Amino acid sequence: MSSSPTTSRAVRWRPLCLAAAYLLIVAHVLHWKLAGRTLTSIQLSEAGRFAAEGVATAAFFYFAILTVITMVFGRFFCAWACHMLAVQEGCRWLLARLRIRPRPLRVRALRLAPFAAAFYIFLFPVAQRLWLGVPFPTPQIQLTTDHMWATLPSPWSGVFTLIVCGLLLVYFLGSLSFCKYVCPYSAVFAIADRLAPGRIRLTGECDGCAKCSAACTTGVRVHAEVQQRGAVTNSGCMRCLECVNACPRQALAYRFGRPALFQPPVTDPRYDFTLAEEAVLLGLGVATFVALNGLYDAVPLLLAMGLSLLVAYFGVVAVRLVRESAVSLRGVALKDAGRLSRAGGAFAMAMGLMLVLVGHSLLMQYHHRRAAAVLDGLGFPRLAAFEGRARTEAVAAVHHLTMCTRYGLTDTFDWNMKLAWLARGLADSDAVEQHLRRAIARDPRQPVAHFNLGKELARQGRRDEAVHAFTEAIHLDPKFKQFVPQPFVTRALGTSAATS
């Protein structure tokens, strides 16, 4: 019996809906470029700013609306409008064209990762304030901005995130592995989904052919769920309707009924890793995430999670390479009859290099966070002259940040701005200028660095150079005009007008 024509049309609409999500992103960027001001980013990563800073952007309200919708209709957004799911589906299609079918990885520990990430974004800042006794910031609403990219990762970080969390995760960990094992917002949606009355339900006779389960891209055992529960209760169901379309008896449909709040999903008892291997996976994954998250101001949270999963997965493969006589990775033999193949040798060297890089990154993060803790105690970024114990702590912070700049794989704008602030408090004018110029070299589009350089040059009596720095700050952001010392305002504004 053929599938329902109506359902087939619905499934064909899904790629168009996912493509429309990218068209809306392009339209948003174009509006910002043309109008100079636009709606704040609706990237769901921005929703966490409310917990961290008390700022409710458009993303916060968007996320809240999506959560409420999910509580009624289920996870339609994930399958029909999420740009990251579109990337994963595109990668799955590309791999299929290359005759590569990703095999889903079944691991117990990985199911906790999105919930841990959701806690880190939405609850940890609140818990940290309560623990330290720090007052909550005054809530404020920010729906428009003239600096759309100010709080978003760089374009290169975005592209790398799409490659890692799209192509590589799909290839090594299976279809939609980002949604299942990384995405913190899917964890919130999964909880909301338990309340949703809208579900895939059994409306006819099921013969257990499991074609619905084979069609499910998230690995839900649809045939077992509907046979035992009468509906799909697994919160991994994204309402893509592929299972409805695949049923040869037209026995499945999206219908409203009893929520799945207290009904446990039907799980597959088979797992790919032993408990000991999962412990290795969990430990290495957490260590790698701590090492990479925010590293060099270039690794955003989701990219850090994606890379951590890959490193942890390869770590388990490396353990097997040591313990077992025959090991393969995606069909490539790494070890056979107790002997390493060439591919196995290359993998072992690559894994060793990865572990060295993770260790080096942990060291950099250690020094950066020790310095950040000292800076918080010194009142950064409020200017002050350091005396007594404060001076000793400032010197210690300089040591930690110098370790970062000297031995890090790259330098960062943030490190140099902090070193310049410390040097000002230690009355080291040469170091202030040196670090401000290095900060500008790292990111010349930041007006605050040019402005602070202008102030430092003015202190040294280098008026012409100070005017040039102030001019650049005002050119990048006219709001800095009100902060420029009065004797420099006229010359800076005149130069800025002449160069604009």
Protein backbone atom coordinates (compact mmCIF):
# COMPACT_ATOMS: atom_id res chain seq x y z
CA MET A 1 0.00 0.00 0.00
CA SER A 2 1.42 3.41 -0.88
CA SER A 3 1.90 6.24 1.55
CA SER A 4 -0.51 9.08 1.95
CA PRO A 5 -0.20 11.78 -0.74
CA THR A 6 -0.85 14.51 1.84
CA THR A 7 1.94 13.24 4.09
CA SER A 8 4.33 12.97 1.13
CA ARG A 9 3.70 16.60 0.29
CA ALA A 10 4.34 17.55 3.92
CA VAL A 11 7.68 15.75 3.93
CA ARG A 12 8.68 17.46 0.67
CA TRP A 13 8.00 20.83 2.27
CA ARG A 14 10.58 20.27 5.01
CA PRO A 15 13.73 21.00 2.94
CA LEU A 16 12.09 24.21 1.73
CA CYS A 17 11.35 25.25 5.31
CA LEU A 18 14.94 24.57 6.34
CA ALA A 19 16.21 26.57 3.34
CA ALA A 20 13.86 29.41 4.32
CA ALA A 21 15.61 29.57 7.72
CA TYR A 22 18.86 30.50 5.95
CA LEU A 23 17.08 33.02 3.75
CA LEU A 24 15.78 34.72 6.90
CA ILE A 25 19.32 34.83 8.31
CA VAL A 26 20.56 36.46 5.09
CA ALA A 27 17.66 38.94 5.16
CA HIS A 28 18.50 39.80 8.78
CA VAL A 29 22.14 40.54 7.92
CA LEU A 30 21.17 42.56 4.84
CA HIS A 31 18.74 44.66 6.87
CA TRP A 32 21.49 45.42 9.37
CA LYS A 33 23.93 46.38 6.59
CA LEU A 34 21.41 48.63 4.83
CA ALA A 35 19.66 50.19 7.83
CA GLY A 36 22.60 50.31 10.23
CA ARG A 37 20.39 48.99 13.03
CA THR A 38 18.32 45.83 13.26
CA LEU A 39 16.77 43.25 15.56
CA THR A 40 19.26 41.68 17.94
CA SER A 41 20.44 38.23 16.89
CA ILE A 42 17.94 35.43 17.37
CA GLN A 43 20.70 32.84 17.58
CA LEU A 44 19.58 30.72 20.52
CA SER A 45 23.05 31.05 22.04
CA GLU A 46 22.11 34.68 22.74
CA ALA A 47 19.25 33.56 25.00
CA GLY A 48 21.78 32.70 27.71
CA ARG A 49 22.72 36.37 28.12
CA PHE A 50 19.71 36.85 30.37
CA ALA A 51 21.10 34.45 32.98
CA ALA A 52 24.66 35.76 32.61
CA GLU A 53 24.09 39.51 32.22
CA GLY A 54 20.40 40.15 32.83
CA VAL A 55 19.95 41.22 29.18
CA ALA A 56 16.81 39.93 27.46
CA THR A 57 17.46 40.09 23.71
CA ALA A 58 15.20 39.01 20.88
CA ALA A 59 16.76 35.54 21.18
CA PHE A 60 15.50 35.23 24.77
CA PHE A 61 11.89 35.90 23.78
CA TYR A 62 12.25 33.75 20.65
CA PHE A 63 13.53 30.84 22.75
CA ALA A 64 10.74 31.31 25.30
CA ILE A 65 8.10 31.27 22.54
CA LEU A 66 9.63 28.15 20.96
CA THR A 67 9.63 26.39 24.34
CA VAL A 68 5.92 27.14 24.86
CA ILE A 69 5.11 25.96 21.33
CA THR A 70 7.06 22.76 21.99
CA MET A 71 5.02 22.15 25.14
CA VAL A 72 1.90 21.96 22.95
CA PHE A 73 2.91 20.72 19.51
CA GLY A 74 6.23 18.98 20.17
CA ARG A 75 9.65 19.59 18.64
CA PHE A 76 8.56 20.81 15.22
CA PHE A 77 11.07 23.68 15.28
CA CYS A 78 14.04 21.29 15.43
CA ALA A 79 13.05 19.40 12.29
CA TRP A 80 11.51 22.20 10.27
CA ALA A 81 13.32 25.46 11.08
CA CYS A 82 16.69 24.82 12.81
CA HIS A 83 19.66 25.94 10.70
CA MET A 84 21.99 23.42 12.38
CA LEU A 85 19.67 20.54 11.54
CA ALA A 86 19.67 21.77 7.93
CA VAL A 87 23.47 21.54 7.90
CA GLN A 88 23.39 18.00 9.28
CA GLU A 89 20.73 16.90 6.81
CA GLY A 90 22.79 18.39 3.99
CA CYS A 91 25.87 16.52 5.18
CA ARG A 92 23.88 13.28 5.44
CA TRP A 93 22.65 13.79 1.87
CA LEU A 94 26.21 14.49 0.69
CA LEU A 95 27.55 11.36 2.38
CA ALA A 96 24.72 9.32 0.88
CA ARG A 97 25.72 10.56 -2.58
CA LEU A 98 29.21 9.25 -1.80
CA ARG A 99 27.66 5.90 -0.80
CA ILE A 100 28.52 6.50 2.86
CA ARG A 101 25.82 5.72 5.40
CA PRO A 102 26.64 7.07 8.88
CA ARG A 103 26.04 4.56 11.64
CA PRO A 104 24.43 5.98 14.80
CA LEU A 105 26.57 5.69 17.92
CA ARG A 106 24.69 4.45 21.00
CA VAL A 107 26.36 5.73 24.16
CA ARG A 108 24.70 6.29 27.52
CA ALA A 109 27.01 9.06 28.74
CA LEU A 110 26.57 11.22 25.66
CA ARG A 111 22.85 11.63 26.30
CA LEU A 112 23.72 13.74 29.35
CA ALA A 113 25.89 16.21 27.42
CA PRO A 114 23.08 18.51 26.12
CA PHE A 115 21.56 18.72 29.61
CA ALA A 116 24.96 19.59 31.10
CA ALA A 117 25.40 22.29 28.45
CA ALA A 118 21.92 23.67 29.14
CA PHE A 119 22.76 23.86 32.86
CA TYR A 120 26.03 25.63 32.05
CA ILE A 121 24.28 28.27 29.92
CA PHE A 122 21.04 28.90 31.79
CA LEU A 123 21.52 27.86 35.43
CA PHE A 124 25.24 27.97 36.26
CA PRO A 125 25.48 31.81 36.15
CA VAL A 126 22.53 31.99 38.57
CA ALA A 127 23.97 29.30 40.88
CA GLN A 128 27.37 31.02 40.82
CA ARG A 129 25.86 34.35 41.89
CA LEU A 130 23.94 32.69 44.71
CA TRP A 131 27.07 30.85 45.89
CA LEU A 132 29.27 33.96 45.84
CA GLY A 133 26.58 36.31 47.11
CA VAL A 134 26.85 38.51 44.02
CA PRO A 135 23.66 40.51 43.36
CA PHE A 136 21.73 39.84 40.18
CA PRO A 137 22.04 42.49 37.47
CA THR A 138 19.05 44.72 36.83
CA PRO A 139 17.04 43.08 34.02
CA GLN A 140 16.96 45.04 30.79
CA ILE A 141 15.41 44.48 27.38
CA GLN A 142 17.54 44.95 24.26
CA LEU A 143 15.61 44.19 21.08
CA THR A 144 17.65 46.21 18.56
CA THR A 145 21.34 46.75 17.96
CA ASP A 146 23.71 48.53 15.60
CA HIS A 147 26.50 46.00 16.28
CA MET A 148 24.92 42.71 15.21
CA TRP A 149 28.14 40.67 15.39
CA ALA A 150 29.36 42.09 18.71
CA THR A 151 28.27 39.08 20.79
CA LEU A 152 28.50 36.43 18.07
CA PRO A 153 31.49 34.25 17.08
CA SER A 154 33.65 35.35 14.18
CA PRO A 155 32.66 34.16 10.68
CA TRP A 156 35.61 31.76 10.64
CA SER A 157 34.53 30.24 13.96
CA GLY A 158 31.03 29.89 12.53
CA VAL A 159 32.27 28.10 9.42
CA PHE A 160 34.47 25.77 11.47
CA THR A 161 31.52 25.05 13.77
CA LEU A 162 29.40 24.04 10.79
CA ILE A 163 32.14 21.70 9.53
CA VAL A 164 32.77 20.07 12.92
CA CYS A 165 29.19 19.92 14.22
CA GLY A 166 27.81 19.12 10.80
CA LEU A 167 30.01 16.97 8.59
CA LEU A 168 32.43 15.42 11.10
CA LEU A 169 29.90 14.60 13.81
CA VAL A 170 27.50 13.11 11.27
CA TYR A 171 30.29 11.03 9.69
CA PHE A 172 31.73 9.64 12.92
CA LEU A 173 28.81 9.65 15.37
CA GLY A 174 25.78 9.31 13.12
CA SER A 175 22.90 11.33 11.71
CA LEU A 176 21.76 14.34 13.78
CA SER A 177 24.39 13.58 16.42
CA PHE A 178 24.72 17.31 17.11
CA CYS A 179 21.05 17.43 18.09
CA LYS A 180 21.32 14.32 20.27
CA TYR A 181 24.69 14.84 21.93
CA VAL A 182 25.58 18.56 21.78
CA CYS A 183 22.71 21.02 21.42
CA PRO A 184 21.79 22.53 24.83
CA TYR A 185 18.54 23.95 23.43
CA SER A 186 17.40 20.49 22.34
CA ALA A 187 17.71 19.47 26.01
CA VAL A 188 15.26 22.21 27.02
CA PHE A 189 12.96 21.28 24.13
CA ALA A 190 13.18 17.61 25.13
CA ILE A 191 11.92 18.45 28.63
CA ALA A 192 9.13 20.65 27.21
CA ASP A 193 8.25 17.88 24.75
CA ARG A 194 7.20 15.59 27.61
CA LEU A 195 4.19 17.89 28.14
CA ALA A 196 3.18 18.03 24.46
CA PRO A 197 -0.17 16.39 23.58
CA GLY A 198 0.76 16.54 19.88
CA ARG A 199 2.54 13.27 19.00
CA ILE A 200 3.03 10.62 16.36
CA ARG A 201 0.33 8.09 17.23
CA LEU A 202 -0.76 4.68 16.05
CA THR A 203 -4.03 5.09 14.15
CA GLY A 204 -4.14 1.71 12.38
CA GLU A 205 -2.65 -1.78 12.62
CA CYS A 206 1.13 -2.14 13.03
CA ASP A 207 2.76 -5.31 11.69
CA GLY A 208 6.19 -4.46 13.20
CA CYS A 209 7.99 -4.07 9.86
CA ALA A 210 10.16 -1.31 11.46
CA LYS A 211 10.29 0.77 8.28
CA CYS A 212 9.26 3.74 10.41
CA SER A 213 12.24 3.19 12.70
CA ALA A 214 14.59 2.88 9.74
CA ALA A 215 13.31 6.22 8.41
CA CYS A 216 13.81 8.02 11.73
CA THR A 217 16.98 10.13 11.53
CA THR A 218 17.25 10.50 15.32
CA GLY A 219 17.30 6.75 16.00
CA VAL A 220 13.93 6.50 17.76
CA ARG A 221 12.53 2.93 17.76
CA VAL A 222 9.19 4.11 16.40
CA HIS A 223 7.67 0.65 15.78
CA ALA A 224 8.42 -0.48 19.36
CA GLU A 225 7.09 2.76 20.85
CA VAL A 226 3.75 2.69 19.03
CA GLN A 227 3.28 -1.04 19.67
CA GLN A 228 3.93 -0.69 23.42
CA ARG A 229 2.67 2.84 24.10
CA GLY A 230 0.32 3.60 21.21
CA ALA A 231 2.38 6.73 20.49
CA VAL A 232 5.99 7.89 20.20
CA THR A 233 6.95 8.97 23.73
CA ASN A 234 10.68 9.43 23.12
CA SER A 235 11.59 13.12 23.41
CA GLY A 236 14.08 12.63 20.61
CA CYS A 237 11.16 12.67 18.16
CA MET A 238 11.33 15.92 16.18
CA ARG A 239 8.02 15.54 14.31
CA CYS A 240 9.77 15.40 10.93
CA LEU A 241 6.95 13.02 9.79
CA GLU A 242 9.43 10.75 7.98
CA CYS A 243 8.11 7.77 9.93
CA VAL A 244 4.52 8.65 8.98
CA ASN A 245 5.55 8.81 5.35
CA ALA A 246 7.49 5.52 5.54
CA CYS A 247 4.67 3.41 7.03
CA PRO A 248 3.39 1.09 4.25
CA ARG A 249 0.08 0.55 6.11
CA GLN A 250 -0.57 4.26 6.73
CA ALA A 251 -0.96 3.37 10.39
CA LEU A 252 0.83 6.42 11.81
CA ALA A 253 -0.36 10.02 12.06
CA TYR A 254 0.26 13.20 14.01
CA ARG A 255 -2.60 13.52 16.50
CA PHE A 256 -3.37 15.15 19.85
CA GLY A 257 -3.87 13.01 22.92
CA ARG A 258 -2.36 12.19 26.29
CA PRO A 259 1.12 13.70 26.91
CA ALA A 260 4.08 11.42 27.58
CA LEU A 261 5.00 13.11 30.87
CA PHE A 262 5.31 9.97 32.99
CA GLN A 263 5.79 7.40 30.24
CA PRO A 264 9.41 6.26 29.84
CA PRO A 265 10.60 5.87 26.23
CA VAL A 266 11.30 2.45 24.79
CA THR A 267 15.10 2.22 24.64
CA ASP A 268 17.47 -0.12 22.85
CA PRO A 269 19.47 -2.05 25.48
CA ARG A 270 22.42 -2.43 23.11
CA TYR A 271 25.30 0.04 23.46
CA ASP A 272 28.51 0.48 21.49
CA PHE A 273 30.82 1.10 24.46
CA THR A 274 31.37 -0.68 27.75
CA LEU A 275 30.94 1.24 31.01
CA ALA A 276 34.73 1.52 31.35
CA GLU A 277 34.99 2.94 27.82
CA GLU A 278 32.19 5.38 28.57
CA ALA A 279 34.12 6.52 31.66
CA VAL A 280 37.13 7.24 29.39
CA LEU A 281 34.84 9.03 26.95
CA LEU A 282 33.29 11.15 29.71
CA GLY A 283 36.59 12.06 31.37
CA LEU A 284 38.40 12.94 28.15
CA GLY A 285 35.36 14.81 26.83
CA VAL A 286 35.07 16.99 29.95
CA ALA A 287 38.82 17.70 29.99
CA THR A 288 38.80 18.65 26.31
CA PHE A 289 35.77 20.90 26.77
CA VAL A 290 37.44 22.74 29.68
CA ALA A 291 40.56 23.13 27.52
CA LEU A 292 38.77 24.43 24.42
CA ASN A 293 35.75 26.45 25.55
CA GLY A 294 36.56 30.12 24.93
CA LEU A 295 40.19 29.31 24.07
CA TYR A 296 41.98 32.31 22.47
CA ASP A 297 38.58 34.08 22.33
CA ALA A 298 37.97 31.97 19.22
CA VAL A 299 36.26 28.72 20.26
CA PRO A 300 32.55 29.17 21.04
CA LEU A 301 30.71 26.76 23.31
CA LEU A 302 29.04 24.61 20.65
CA LEU A 303 32.28 24.21 18.68
CA ALA A 304 34.08 23.27 21.90
CA MET A 305 31.43 20.63 22.61
CA GLY A 306 31.61 19.21 19.10
CA LEU A 307 35.40 18.98 19.17
CA SER A 308 35.29 17.48 22.67
CA LEU A 309 32.97 14.70 21.50
CA LEU A 310 35.23 13.87 18.58
CA VAL A 311 38.40 13.83 20.72
CA ALA A 312 36.65 11.70 23.37
CA TYR A 313 35.38 9.26 20.72
CA PHE A 314 38.85 8.97 19.19
CA GLY A 315 40.23 8.48 22.70
CA VAL A 316 38.06 5.38 23.16
CA VAL A 317 39.22 4.09 19.77
CA ALA A 318 42.82 4.68 20.92
CA VAL A 319 42.19 2.67 24.10
CA ARG A 320 40.86 -0.18 21.97
CA LEU A 321 43.91 0.13 19.78
CA VAL A 322 46.05 -0.67 22.82
CA ARG A 323 43.85 -3.39 24.33
CA GLU A 324 42.38 -5.27 21.37
CA SER A 325 43.90 -7.25 18.52
CA ALA A 326 41.57 -5.97 15.78
CA VAL A 327 40.27 -2.39 15.58
CA SER A 328 38.67 -0.43 12.77
CA LEU A 329 37.36 3.14 12.37
CA ARG A 330 34.57 3.77 9.87
CA GLY A 331 35.52 0.65 7.96
CA VAL A 332 39.25 1.42 7.89
CA ALA A 333 41.39 -1.23 9.60
CA LEU A 334 43.66 0.33 12.22
CA LYS A 335 44.89 -2.92 13.72
CA ASP A 336 44.60 -6.52 12.54
CA ALA A 337 45.88 -9.68 14.18
CA GLY A 338 47.66 -7.60 16.80
CA ARG A 339 49.60 -5.48 14.28
CA LEU A 340 49.08 -1.80 13.47
CA SER A 341 48.31 -0.90 9.90
CA ARG A 342 49.67 2.26 8.29
CA ALA A 343 46.34 3.90 8.97
CA GLY A 344 46.57 2.73 12.57
CA GLY A 345 50.04 4.23 12.96
CA ALA A 346 48.85 7.54 11.49
CA PHE A 347 45.85 7.50 13.81
CA ALA A 348 48.04 6.83 16.86
CA MET A 349 50.33 9.76 15.99
CA ALA A 350 47.37 12.05 15.33
CA MET A 351 45.80 11.05 18.65
CA GLY A 352 49.06 11.72 20.46
CA LEU A 353 49.26 15.17 18.87
CA MET A 354 45.64 15.88 19.86
CA LEU A 355 46.34 14.95 23.48
CA VAL A 356 49.41 17.22 23.52
CA LEU A 357 47.31 20.10 22.15
CA VAL A 358 44.58 19.45 24.72
CA GLY A 359 47.19 19.48 27.51
CA HIS A 360 48.72 22.71 26.19
CA SER A 361 45.25 24.29 25.94
CA LEU A 362 44.49 23.26 29.54
CA LEU A 363 47.67 25.03 30.64
CA MET A 364 46.68 28.20 28.78
CA GLN A 365 43.19 28.09 30.28
CA TYR A 366 44.67 27.61 33.76
CA HIS A 367 46.82 30.75 33.48
CA HIS A 368 44.00 32.75 31.90
CA ARG A 369 41.50 31.81 34.60
CA ARG A 370 43.96 32.44 37.43
CA ALA A 371 44.55 35.90 35.97
CA ALA A 372 40.80 36.47 35.54
CA ALA A 373 40.19 35.60 39.21
CA VAL A 374 42.82 38.13 40.31
CA LEU A 375 41.42 40.80 37.98
CA ASP A 376 37.95 40.34 39.46
CA GLY A 377 39.41 40.88 42.93
CA LEU A 378 41.21 44.03 41.75
CA GLY A 379 38.01 45.52 40.36
CA PHE A 380 38.73 45.23 36.63
CA PRO A 381 38.01 47.30 34.55
CA ARG A 382 37.84 50.21 37.04
CA LEU A 383 41.13 52.11 37.02
CA ALA A 384 43.18 52.12 40.19
CA ALA A 385 46.78 52.44 41.35
CA PHE A 386 47.98 49.23 42.98
CA GLU A 387 49.65 49.38 46.37
CA GLY A 388 50.63 46.76 48.95
CA ARG A 389 48.82 43.44 48.54
CA ALA A 390 46.94 44.66 45.44
CA ARG A 391 50.28 45.32 43.74
CA THR A 392 51.50 41.81 44.55
CA GLU A 393 48.33 40.32 43.10
CA ALA A 394 48.60 42.51 40.00
CA VAL A 395 52.17 41.29 39.41
CA ALA A 396 50.91 37.69 39.73
CA ALA A 397 48.17 38.39 37.18
CA VAL A 398 50.77 39.87 34.80
CA HIS A 399 52.80 36.66 35.18
CA HIS A 400 49.81 34.46 34.29
CA LEU A 401 48.80 36.55 31.27
CA THR A 402 52.42 36.80 30.09
CA MET A 403 52.58 33.00 30.13
CA CYS A 404 49.55 33.03 27.85
CA THR A 405 50.98 35.57 25.41
CA ARG A 406 54.45 34.00 25.41
CA TYR A 407 53.56 30.31 25.11
CA GLY A 408 50.10 30.40 23.55
CA LEU A 409 49.65 29.37 19.94
CA THR A 410 48.37 32.87 19.23
CA ASP A 411 47.89 36.19 20.96
CA THR A 412 44.48 37.69 21.81
CA PHE A 413 42.90 41.12 22.05
CA ASP A 414 41.52 40.35 25.51
CA TRP A 415 44.86 39.30 27.03
CA ASN A 416 46.58 42.48 25.86
CA MET A 417 43.78 44.76 27.03
CA LYS A 418 44.02 43.20 30.48
CA LEU A 419 47.80 43.47 30.49
CA ALA A 420 47.51 47.14 29.51
CA TRP A 421 45.08 47.73 32.39
CA LEU A 422 47.44 46.02 34.84
CA ALA A 423 50.39 48.00 33.51
CA ARG A 424 48.46 51.26 34.05
CA GLY A 425 47.80 50.29 37.68
CA LEU A 426 51.50 49.43 38.08
CA ALA A 427 52.50 52.80 36.51
CA ASP A 428 54.39 51.16 33.63
CA SER A 429 53.65 53.51 30.71
CA ASP A 430 55.81 51.68 28.18
CA ALA A 431 53.99 48.40 28.86
CA VAL A 432 50.60 50.12 28.61
CA GLU A 433 51.40 51.43 25.13
CA GLN A 434 52.99 48.15 24.04
CA HIS A 435 49.98 46.03 24.98
CA LEU A 436 47.42 48.48 23.59
CA ARG A 437 49.22 48.48 20.24
CA ARG A 438 49.33 44.68 20.29
CA ALA A 439 45.61 44.62 21.07
CA ILE A 440 44.93 46.92 18.11
CA ALA A 441 47.08 44.69 15.89
CA ARG A 442 44.93 41.72 16.93
CA ASP A 443 41.62 43.53 16.30
CA PRO A 444 41.85 47.05 14.82
CA ARG A 445 38.03 47.35 14.74
CA GLN A 446 37.71 47.74 18.53
CA PRO A 447 37.31 51.46 19.36
CA VAL A 448 38.04 50.97 23.07
CA ALA A 449 41.66 50.02 22.34
CA HIS A 450 42.22 53.11 20.17
CA PHE A 451 40.57 55.30 22.82
CA ASN A 452 42.73 53.94 25.64
CA LEU A 453 45.84 54.31 23.48
CA GLY A 454 44.88 57.94 22.90
CA LYS A 455 44.57 58.53 26.65
CA GLU A 456 47.97 56.94 27.29
CA LEU A 457 49.68 58.97 24.55
CA ALA A 458 48.05 62.12 25.91
CA ARG A 459 49.48 61.34 29.36
CA GLN A 460 52.92 61.08 27.76
CA GLY A 461 52.47 64.44 26.01
CA ARG A 462 52.44 62.96 22.49
CA ARG A 463 49.52 65.10 21.34
CA ASP A 464 49.59 64.39 17.58
CA GLU A 465 49.66 60.64 18.11
CA ALA A 466 46.91 60.93 20.72
CA VAL A 467 44.71 62.87 18.28
CA HIS A 468 45.20 60.14 15.69
CA ALA A 469 44.17 57.43 18.18
CA PHE A 470 41.12 59.40 19.36
CA THR A 471 40.15 60.03 15.74
CA GLU A 472 40.21 56.34 14.99
CA ALA A 473 38.08 55.56 18.06
CA ILE A 474 35.45 58.15 17.06
CA HIS A 475 35.51 56.90 13.47
CA LEU A 476 34.78 53.35 14.64
CA ASP A 477 32.14 54.41 17.18
CA PRO A 478 30.93 58.04 17.37
CA LYS A 479 29.75 57.44 20.95
CA PHE A 480 33.37 57.75 22.09
CA LYS A 481 33.29 61.47 21.21
CA GLN A 482 31.81 62.27 24.63
CA PHE A 483 34.73 60.58 26.41
CA VAL A 484 37.59 62.27 24.53
CA PRO A 485 39.39 64.88 26.69
CA GLN A 486 38.20 68.38 25.73
CA PRO A 487 41.54 69.75 24.37
CA PHE A 488 41.58 66.93 21.78
CA VAL A 489 37.91 66.97 20.74
CA THR A 490 38.06 69.64 18.01
CA ARG A 491 41.15 68.24 16.31
CA ALA A 492 39.90 64.65 16.54
CA LEU A 493 36.48 65.54 15.15
CA GLY A 494 38.04 67.56 12.35
CA THR A 495 40.35 64.73 11.36
CA SER A 496 37.52 62.19 11.60
CA ALA A 497 35.32 64.29 9.32
CA ALA A 498 38.14 64.69 6.83
CA THR A 499 38.82 60.96 6.62
CA SER A 500 35.17 59.80 6.53
